[in-house]
Amino acid sequence: MARKDRKQLAQLLNRSLISMTAPKSPIAEQFRTVRTNIQFSSVDKEIKTLIVTSARPAEGKSTVVANLAVVFAQQGKKVLLIDSDMRKPTVHYTFQTENHSGLSNILARQATLNDTVHETKQDKLWVLPSGPIPPNPSELLGSKAMQTLLEQAEEEFDVILLDTPPIIAVTDAQVLANVADGVVLVVGSGKTEVDSAKKAKELLESAQAKILGVVLNNKKTEDDQYYYYYYYGGK
């Protein structure tokens, strides 16, 4: 990779992980607000396994879930971020780890969690990359092996976050929705159509998901900053 390309990639990653690179910024504070709202969204049960998805592609759900993982870790939680988007994985790019093996290998019973998990530059945050892209992601995510993996992860980590594909495009998020403690839906400001957001909500509800709320992503403010807003309740 040329020096110019490396520099552009570094700049992109810095923007993506703003909660790590600029923890005192207003945007990082918005992510901490989202974290707090998630923690207070359930009275009877602690939110431990959380899915982050979107209605359509390119709405920022991978950026949102990566920053949520960072702010949970900054709170002192032991966090695992799982890239369960085995169609267009990005977590290994964001955290600059290899992706030779990962989730798909575990679900195919070719590797273990300990074999494939990676430490990150953020203390208390580990990532599990997607691994090689399989021909049958939905079937793997709905398998007994996935359930076993989540049970193991819950014993070792305080918070498990799953980055899933857009819910309207494929069924992967629906497959996982009813085994997670909660789901956060990301919508892009000025990008996500109302009908798409409603459809995504209906699909999650049909999968018996517990929708914690919606993150409005890339809302531009007057000072040309971009913020992430959290709307509690999922209505």
C-alpha atoms as a PDB file:
ATOM      1  CA  MET A   1       0.000   0.000   0.000  1.00  0.00           C
ATOM      2  CA  ALA A   2       1.366   3.416  -0.956  1.00  0.00           C
ATOM      3  CA  ARG A   3       2.097   6.033   1.713  1.00  0.00           C
ATOM      4  CA  LYS A   4      -0.787   8.219   0.482  1.00  0.00           C
ATOM      5  CA  ASP A   5      -3.211   5.285   0.685  1.00  0.00           C
ATOM      6  CA  ARG A   6      -2.011   4.394   4.187  1.00  0.00           C
ATOM      7  CA  LYS A   7      -2.489   7.991   5.295  1.00  0.00           C
ATOM      8  CA  GLN A   8      -6.021   8.123   3.883  1.00  0.00           C
ATOM      9  CA  LEU A   9      -6.862   4.815   5.570  1.00  0.00           C
ATOM     10  CA  ALA A  10      -5.505   6.075   8.899  1.00  0.00           C
ATOM     11  CA  GLN A  11      -7.587   9.252   8.618  1.00  0.00           C
ATOM     12  CA  LEU A  12     -10.695   7.212   7.835  1.00  0.00           C
ATOM     13  CA  LEU A  13     -10.119   4.899  10.802  1.00  0.00           C
ATOM     14  CA  ASN A  14      -9.585   7.885  13.103  1.00  0.00           C
ATOM     15  CA  ARG A  15     -12.958   9.284  12.054  1.00  0.00           C
ATOM     16  CA  SER A  16     -14.616   5.886  12.433  1.00  0.00           C
ATOM     17  CA  LEU A  17     -13.263   5.327  15.950  1.00  0.00           C
ATOM     18  CA  ILE A  18     -13.757   8.841  17.241  1.00  0.00           C
ATOM     19  CA  SER A  19     -14.645   7.544  20.721  1.00  0.00           C
ATOM     20  CA  MET A  20     -11.070   6.229  20.928  1.00  0.00           C
ATOM     21  CA  THR A  21      -9.176   8.910  19.022  1.00  0.00           C
ATOM     22  CA  ALA A  22     -11.102  11.908  20.408  1.00  0.00           C
ATOM     23  CA  PRO A  23     -12.816  10.731  23.622  1.00  0.00           C
ATOM     24  CA  LYS A  24     -13.604  14.294  24.760  1.00  0.00           C
ATOM     25  CA  SER A  25     -15.327  15.272  21.520  1.00  0.00           C
ATOM     26  CA  PRO A  26     -19.076  16.019  21.378  1.00  0.00           C
ATOM     27  CA  ILE A  27     -19.607  12.995  19.123  1.00  0.00           C
ATOM     28  CA  ALA A  28     -17.897  10.664  21.608  1.00  0.00           C
ATOM     29  CA  GLU A  29     -20.163  12.106  24.288  1.00  0.00           C
ATOM     30  CA  GLN A  30     -23.177  11.189  22.164  1.00  0.00           C
ATOM     31  CA  PHE A  31     -21.978   7.596  22.062  1.00  0.00           C
ATOM     32  CA  ARG A  32     -21.697   7.613  25.852  1.00  0.00           C
ATOM     33  CA  THR A  33     -25.278   8.849  25.969  1.00  0.00           C
ATOM     34  CA  VAL A  34     -26.332   5.932  23.771  1.00  0.00           C
ATOM     35  CA  ARG A  35     -24.464   3.573  26.105  1.00  0.00           C
ATOM     36  CA  THR A  36     -26.244   4.992  29.143  1.00  0.00           C
ATOM     37  CA  ASN A  37     -29.656   4.734  27.507  1.00  0.00           C
ATOM     38  CA  ILE A  38     -28.984   1.112  26.589  1.00  0.00           C
ATOM     39  CA  GLN A  39     -28.023   0.287  30.150  1.00  0.00           C
ATOM     40  CA  PHE A  40     -31.201   1.870  31.514  1.00  0.00           C
ATOM     41  CA  SER A  41     -33.466   0.405  28.838  1.00  0.00           C
ATOM     42  CA  SER A  42     -34.105  -2.825  30.735  1.00  0.00           C
ATOM     43  CA  VAL A  43     -35.117  -2.894  34.380  1.00  0.00           C
ATOM     44  CA  ASP A  44     -35.558  -6.639  34.846  1.00  0.00           C
ATOM     45  CA  LYS A  45     -32.530  -7.956  32.940  1.00  0.00           C
ATOM     46  CA  GLU A  46     -29.040  -6.663  32.300  1.00  0.00           C
ATOM     47  CA  ILE A  47     -28.341  -6.024  28.613  1.00  0.00           C
ATOM     48  CA  LYS A  48     -25.379  -8.255  27.863  1.00  0.00           C
ATOM     49  CA  THR A  49     -25.753  -9.362  24.230  1.00  0.00           C
ATOM     50  CA  LEU A  50     -26.637  -6.542  21.844  1.00  0.00           C
ATOM     51  CA  ILE A  51     -27.249  -6.553  18.089  1.00  0.00           C
ATOM     52  CA  VAL A  52     -26.692  -3.425  16.022  1.00  0.00           C
ATOM     53  CA  THR A  53     -28.244  -3.428  12.566  1.00  0.00           C
ATOM     54  CA  SER A  54     -29.696  -1.045   9.992  1.00  0.00           C
ATOM     55  CA  ALA A  55     -32.505  -1.046   7.464  1.00  0.00           C
ATOM     56  CA  ARG A  56     -30.335  -0.628   4.390  1.00  0.00           C
ATOM     57  CA  PRO A  57     -26.593  -0.621   3.583  1.00  0.00           C
ATOM     58  CA  ALA A  58     -24.382   2.450   4.111  1.00  0.00           C
ATOM     59  CA  GLU A  59     -26.320   3.859   7.075  1.00  0.00           C
ATOM     60  CA  GLY A  60     -23.370   3.716   9.475  1.00  0.00           C
ATOM     61  CA  LYS A  61     -24.238   0.730  11.656  1.00  0.00           C
ATOM     62  CA  SER A  62     -20.661  -0.620  11.656  1.00  0.00           C
ATOM     63  CA  THR A  63     -19.291   2.747  12.772  1.00  0.00           C
ATOM     64  CA  VAL A  64     -21.929   2.972  15.489  1.00  0.00           C
ATOM     65  CA  VAL A  65     -21.313  -0.533  16.853  1.00  0.00           C
ATOM     66  CA  ALA A  66     -17.518  -0.021  16.840  1.00  0.00           C
ATOM     67  CA  ASN A  67     -17.817   3.181  18.861  1.00  0.00           C
ATOM     68  CA  LEU A  68     -20.316   1.610  21.247  1.00  0.00           C
ATOM     69  CA  ALA A  69     -17.822  -1.187  21.851  1.00  0.00           C
ATOM     70  CA  VAL A  70     -15.169   1.405  22.652  1.00  0.00           C
ATOM     71  CA  VAL A  71     -17.292   3.401  25.117  1.00  0.00           C
ATOM     72  CA  PHE A  72     -18.452   0.248  26.921  1.00  0.00           C
ATOM     73  CA  ALA A  73     -14.791  -0.772  27.288  1.00  0.00           C
ATOM     74  CA  GLN A  74     -13.875   2.730  28.500  1.00  0.00           C
ATOM     75  CA  GLN A  75     -16.461   2.236  31.231  1.00  0.00           C
ATOM     76  CA  GLY A  76     -14.451  -0.746  32.476  1.00  0.00           C
ATOM     77  CA  LYS A  77     -16.561  -3.479  30.902  1.00  0.00           C
ATOM     78  CA  LYS A  78     -14.868  -6.459  29.284  1.00  0.00           C
ATOM     79  CA  VAL A  79     -16.237  -6.208  25.740  1.00  0.00           C
ATOM     80  CA  LEU A  80     -16.321  -8.539  22.737  1.00  0.00           C
ATOM     81  CA  LEU A  81     -17.282  -7.137  19.333  1.00  0.00           C
ATOM     82  CA  ILE A  82     -18.327  -9.889  16.917  1.00  0.00           C
ATOM     83  CA  ASP A  83     -18.380  -9.183  13.197  1.00  0.00           C
ATOM     84  CA  SER A  84     -21.402 -11.285  12.269  1.00  0.00           C
ATOM     85  CA  ASP A  85     -21.732  -9.505   8.936  1.00  0.00           C
ATOM     86  CA  MET A  86     -20.198 -12.404   7.037  1.00  0.00           C
ATOM     87  CA  ARG A  87     -21.213 -10.858   3.706  1.00  0.00           C
ATOM     88  CA  LYS A  88     -19.408  -7.500   3.876  1.00  0.00           C
ATOM     89  CA  PRO A  89     -17.257  -7.577   7.029  1.00  0.00           C
ATOM     90  CA  THR A  90     -15.544  -4.383   8.189  1.00  0.00           C
ATOM     91  CA  VAL A  91     -14.547  -4.847  11.841  1.00  0.00           C
ATOM     92  CA  HIS A  92     -11.060  -6.107  10.945  1.00  0.00           C
ATOM     93  CA  TYR A  93     -10.495  -2.967   8.854  1.00  0.00           C
ATOM     94  CA  THR A  94     -11.735  -0.654  11.597  1.00  0.00           C
ATOM     95  CA  PHE A  95      -9.533  -2.196  14.290  1.00  0.00           C
ATOM     96  CA  GLN A  96      -6.670  -3.129  11.937  1.00  0.00           C
ATOM     97  CA  THR A  97      -6.599  -6.852  12.697  1.00  0.00           C
ATOM     98  CA  GLU A  98      -6.183  -9.827  10.379  1.00  0.00           C
ATOM     99  CA  ASN A  99      -9.186 -11.776   9.139  1.00  0.00           C
ATOM    100  CA  HIS A 100      -7.691 -15.092   8.121  1.00  0.00           C
ATOM    101  CA  SER A 101      -9.902 -16.889  10.632  1.00  0.00           C
ATOM    102  CA  GLY A 102     -12.870 -15.818  12.708  1.00  0.00           C
ATOM    103  CA  LEU A 103     -16.568 -16.360  13.276  1.00  0.00           C
ATOM    104  CA  SER A 104     -17.170 -18.503  10.193  1.00  0.00           C
ATOM    105  CA  ASN A 105     -14.382 -20.870  11.255  1.00  0.00           C
ATOM    106  CA  ILE A 106     -15.861 -21.234  14.738  1.00  0.00           C
ATOM    107  CA  LEU A 107     -19.329 -21.944  13.373  1.00  0.00           C
ATOM    108  CA  ALA A 108     -17.874 -24.505  10.967  1.00  0.00           C
ATOM    109  CA  ARG A 109     -16.129 -26.089  13.976  1.00  0.00           C
ATOM    110  CA  GLN A 110     -12.689 -25.399  12.531  1.00  0.00           C
ATOM    111  CA  ALA A 111     -11.516 -23.082  15.330  1.00  0.00           C
ATOM    112  CA  THR A 112     -12.346 -21.862  18.839  1.00  0.00           C
ATOM    113  CA  LEU A 113     -13.042 -18.432  20.286  1.00  0.00           C
ATOM    114  CA  ASN A 114      -9.624 -18.363  21.923  1.00  0.00           C
ATOM    115  CA  ASP A 115      -7.998 -19.135  18.559  1.00  0.00           C
ATOM    116  CA  THR A 116      -9.652 -16.301  16.691  1.00  0.00           C
ATOM    117  CA  VAL A 117     -10.280 -13.382  19.072  1.00  0.00           C
ATOM    118  CA  HIS A 118      -7.996 -10.325  18.880  1.00  0.00           C
ATOM    119  CA  GLU A 119      -7.010  -7.691  21.408  1.00  0.00           C
ATOM    120  CA  THR A 120      -7.363  -4.085  20.285  1.00  0.00           C
ATOM    121  CA  LYS A 121      -5.605  -0.850  21.154  1.00  0.00           C
ATOM    122  CA  GLN A 122      -8.531  -0.059  23.452  1.00  0.00           C
ATOM    123  CA  ASP A 123      -8.088  -1.644  26.865  1.00  0.00           C
ATOM    124  CA  LYS A 124     -10.716  -4.299  27.687  1.00  0.00           C
ATOM    125  CA  LEU A 125     -11.959  -4.533  24.096  1.00  0.00           C
ATOM    126  CA  TRP A 126     -11.552  -7.656  21.960  1.00  0.00           C
ATOM    127  CA  VAL A 127     -12.838  -8.291  18.449  1.00  0.00           C
ATOM    128  CA  LEU A 128     -13.851 -11.477  16.681  1.00  0.00           C
ATOM    129  CA  PRO A 129     -13.566 -10.911  12.921  1.00  0.00           C
ATOM    130  CA  SER A 130     -15.904 -12.559  10.456  1.00  0.00           C
ATOM    131  CA  GLY A 131     -13.403 -15.030   9.055  1.00  0.00           C
ATOM    132  CA  PRO A 132     -13.615 -16.230   5.431  1.00  0.00           C
ATOM    133  CA  ILE A 133     -16.942 -15.405   3.793  1.00  0.00           C
ATOM    134  CA  PRO A 134     -19.048 -18.594   3.772  1.00  0.00           C
ATOM    135  CA  PRO A 135     -21.696 -19.583   1.196  1.00  0.00           C
ATOM    136  CA  ASN A 136     -24.403 -19.915   3.872  1.00  0.00           C
ATOM    137  CA  PRO A 137     -24.164 -17.093   6.474  1.00  0.00           C
ATOM    138  CA  SER A 138     -27.799 -17.278   7.622  1.00  0.00           C
ATOM    139  CA  GLU A 139     -27.626 -21.007   8.254  1.00  0.00           C
ATOM    140  CA  LEU A 140     -24.401 -20.646  10.238  1.00  0.00           C
ATOM    141  CA  LEU A 141     -25.794 -17.792  12.353  1.00  0.00           C
ATOM    142  CA  GLY A 142     -28.905 -19.848  13.141  1.00  0.00           C
ATOM    143  CA  SER A 143     -26.922 -22.927  14.082  1.00  0.00           C
ATOM    144  CA  LYS A 144     -26.421 -24.556  17.448  1.00  0.00           C
ATOM    145  CA  ALA A 145     -22.752 -23.621  17.162  1.00  0.00           C
ATOM    146  CA  MET A 146     -23.681 -19.916  17.201  1.00  0.00           C
ATOM    147  CA  GLN A 147     -25.795 -20.367  20.297  1.00  0.00           C
ATOM    148  CA  THR A 148     -22.943 -22.230  21.976  1.00  0.00           C
ATOM    149  CA  LEU A 149     -20.509 -19.452  21.026  1.00  0.00           C
ATOM    150  CA  LEU A 150     -22.736 -16.768  22.545  1.00  0.00           C
ATOM    151  CA  GLU A 151     -23.126 -18.784  25.737  1.00  0.00           C
ATOM    152  CA  GLN A 152     -19.357 -19.117  25.997  1.00  0.00           C
ATOM    153  CA  ALA A 153     -18.849 -15.418  25.271  1.00  0.00           C
ATOM    154  CA  GLU A 154     -21.328 -14.447  27.983  1.00  0.00           C
ATOM    155  CA  GLU A 155     -19.244 -16.374  30.503  1.00  0.00           C
ATOM    156  CA  GLU A 156     -16.043 -14.576  29.513  1.00  0.00           C
ATOM    157  CA  PHE A 157     -17.231 -11.051  28.672  1.00  0.00           C
ATOM    158  CA  ASP A 158     -19.457  -8.411  30.276  1.00  0.00           C
ATOM    159  CA  VAL A 159     -20.838  -7.078  26.979  1.00  0.00           C
ATOM    160  CA  ILE A 160     -21.099  -8.774  23.579  1.00  0.00           C
ATOM    161  CA  LEU A 161     -21.905  -6.574  20.572  1.00  0.00           C
ATOM    162  CA  LEU A 162     -22.801  -8.051  17.184  1.00  0.00           C
ATOM    163  CA  ASP A 163     -22.471  -6.155  13.926  1.00  0.00           C
ATOM    164  CA  THR A 164     -25.068  -7.700  11.590  1.00  0.00           C
ATOM    165  CA  PRO A 165     -25.999  -7.070   7.939  1.00  0.00           C
ATOM    166  CA  PRO A 166     -28.868  -4.692   7.076  1.00  0.00           C
ATOM    167  CA  ILE A 167     -32.098  -6.389   8.043  1.00  0.00           C
ATOM    168  CA  ILE A 168     -34.083  -5.661   4.877  1.00  0.00           C
ATOM    169  CA  ALA A 169     -31.353  -7.005   2.601  1.00  0.00           C
ATOM    170  CA  VAL A 170     -30.894 -10.440   4.212  1.00  0.00           C
ATOM    171  CA  THR A 171     -32.304 -12.493   7.097  1.00  0.00           C
ATOM    172  CA  ASP A 172     -29.104 -12.682   9.198  1.00  0.00           C
ATOM    173  CA  ALA A 173     -30.148 -10.060  11.758  1.00  0.00           C
ATOM    174  CA  GLN A 174     -33.571 -11.675  12.153  1.00  0.00           C
ATOM    175  CA  VAL A 175     -31.949 -15.038  12.795  1.00  0.00           C
ATOM    176  CA  LEU A 176     -29.948 -13.567  15.676  1.00  0.00           C
ATOM    177  CA  ALA A 177     -32.528 -11.106  16.961  1.00  0.00           C
ATOM    178  CA  ASN A 178     -34.432 -13.378  19.319  1.00  0.00           C
ATOM    179  CA  VAL A 179     -31.297 -14.758  20.995  1.00  0.00           C
ATOM    180  CA  ALA A 180     -29.942 -11.318  21.914  1.00  0.00           C
ATOM    181  CA  ASP A 181     -30.925  -9.230  24.935  1.00  0.00           C
ATOM    182  CA  GLY A 182     -31.658  -6.272  22.698  1.00  0.00           C
ATOM    183  CA  VAL A 183     -31.413  -4.726  19.240  1.00  0.00           C
ATOM    184  CA  VAL A 184     -30.451  -1.193  18.243  1.00  0.00           C
ATOM    185  CA  LEU A 185     -31.501   0.001  14.790  1.00  0.00           C
ATOM    186  CA  VAL A 186     -29.309   2.560  13.025  1.00  0.00           C
ATOM    187  CA  VAL A 187     -30.907   4.940  10.515  1.00  0.00           C
ATOM    188  CA  GLY A 188     -29.106   7.496   8.395  1.00  0.00           C
ATOM    189  CA  SER A 189     -30.213  11.108   8.672  1.00  0.00           C
ATOM    190  CA  GLY A 190     -31.572  12.189   5.296  1.00  0.00           C
ATOM    191  CA  LYS A 191     -30.782   8.758   3.883  1.00  0.00           C
ATOM    192  CA  THR A 192     -33.113   6.153   5.383  1.00  0.00           C
ATOM    193  CA  GLU A 193     -36.608   6.293   3.931  1.00  0.00           C
ATOM    194  CA  VAL A 194     -39.482   6.193   6.415  1.00  0.00           C
ATOM    195  CA  ASP A 195     -40.939   3.094   4.766  1.00  0.00           C
ATOM    196  CA  SER A 196     -37.587   1.312   5.076  1.00  0.00           C
ATOM    197  CA  ALA A 197     -37.347   2.147   8.776  1.00  0.00           C
ATOM    198  CA  LYS A 198     -40.900   0.884   9.358  1.00  0.00           C
ATOM    199  CA  LYS A 199     -40.169  -2.285   7.413  1.00  0.00           C
ATOM    200  CA  ALA A 200     -37.024  -2.908   9.452  1.00  0.00           C
ATOM    201  CA  LYS A 201     -39.006  -2.485  12.675  1.00  0.00           C
ATOM    202  CA  GLU A 202     -41.668  -4.913  11.454  1.00  0.00           C
ATOM    203  CA  LEU A 203     -39.058  -7.529  10.538  1.00  0.00           C
ATOM    204  CA  LEU A 204     -37.434  -7.246  13.950  1.00  0.00           C
ATOM    205  CA  GLU A 205     -40.776  -7.527  15.701  1.00  0.00           C
ATOM    206  CA  SER A 206     -41.686 -10.592  13.641  1.00  0.00           C
ATOM    207  CA  ALA A 207     -38.451 -12.177  14.887  1.00  0.00           C
ATOM    208  CA  GLN A 208     -39.532 -11.385  18.481  1.00  0.00           C
ATOM    209  CA  ALA A 209     -36.612  -9.012  18.936  1.00  0.00           C
ATOM    210  CA  LYS A 210     -36.432  -6.646  21.869  1.00  0.00           C
ATOM    211  CA  ILE A 211     -35.944  -3.300  20.134  1.00  0.00           C
ATOM    212  CA  LEU A 212     -34.202  -0.955  22.550  1.00  0.00           C
ATOM    213  CA  GLY A 213     -34.298   2.077  20.293  1.00  0.00           C
ATOM    214  CA  VAL A 214     -32.975   3.833  17.218  1.00  0.00           C
ATOM    215  CA  VAL A 215     -29.720   5.694  16.596  1.00  0.00           C
ATOM    216  CA  LEU A 216     -30.054   8.587  14.157  1.00  0.00           C
ATOM    217  CA  ASN A 217     -26.685   8.693  12.454  1.00  0.00           C
ATOM    218  CA  ASN A 218     -24.921  11.534  10.620  1.00  0.00           C
ATOM    219  CA  LYS A 219     -27.234  14.318  11.720  1.00  0.00           C
ATOM    220  CA  LYS A 220     -25.431  17.451  10.571  1.00  0.00           C
ATOM    221  CA  THR A 221     -25.401  20.400  12.958  1.00  0.00           C
ATOM    222  CA  GLU A 222     -24.935  24.098  12.326  1.00  0.00           C
ATOM    223  CA  ASP A 223     -21.229  23.984  13.179  1.00  0.00           C
ATOM    224  CA  ASP A 224     -20.669  21.304  10.507  1.00  0.00           C
ATOM    225  CA  GLN A 225     -20.147  18.528  13.033  1.00  0.00           C
ATOM    226  CA  TYR A 226     -21.870  15.166  12.743  1.00  0.00           C
ATOM    227  CA  TYR A 227     -23.693  13.759  15.740  1.00  0.00           C
ATOM    228  CA  TYR A 228     -25.302  10.489  16.713  1.00  0.00           C
ATOM    229  CA  TYR A 229     -28.641  10.787  18.476  1.00  0.00           C
ATOM    230  CA  TYR A 230     -30.389   8.057  20.402  1.00  0.00           C
ATOM    231  CA  TYR A 231     -34.162   7.736  20.508  1.00  0.00           C
ATOM    232  CA  TYR A 232     -35.351   5.422  23.255  1.00  0.00           C
ATOM    233  CA  GLY A 233     -38.241   3.064  22.824  1.00  0.00           C
ATOM    234  CA  GLY A 234     -38.116   1.869  19.234  1.00  0.00           C
ATOM    235  CA  LYS A 235     -41.531   3.311  18.355  1.00  0.00           C
END
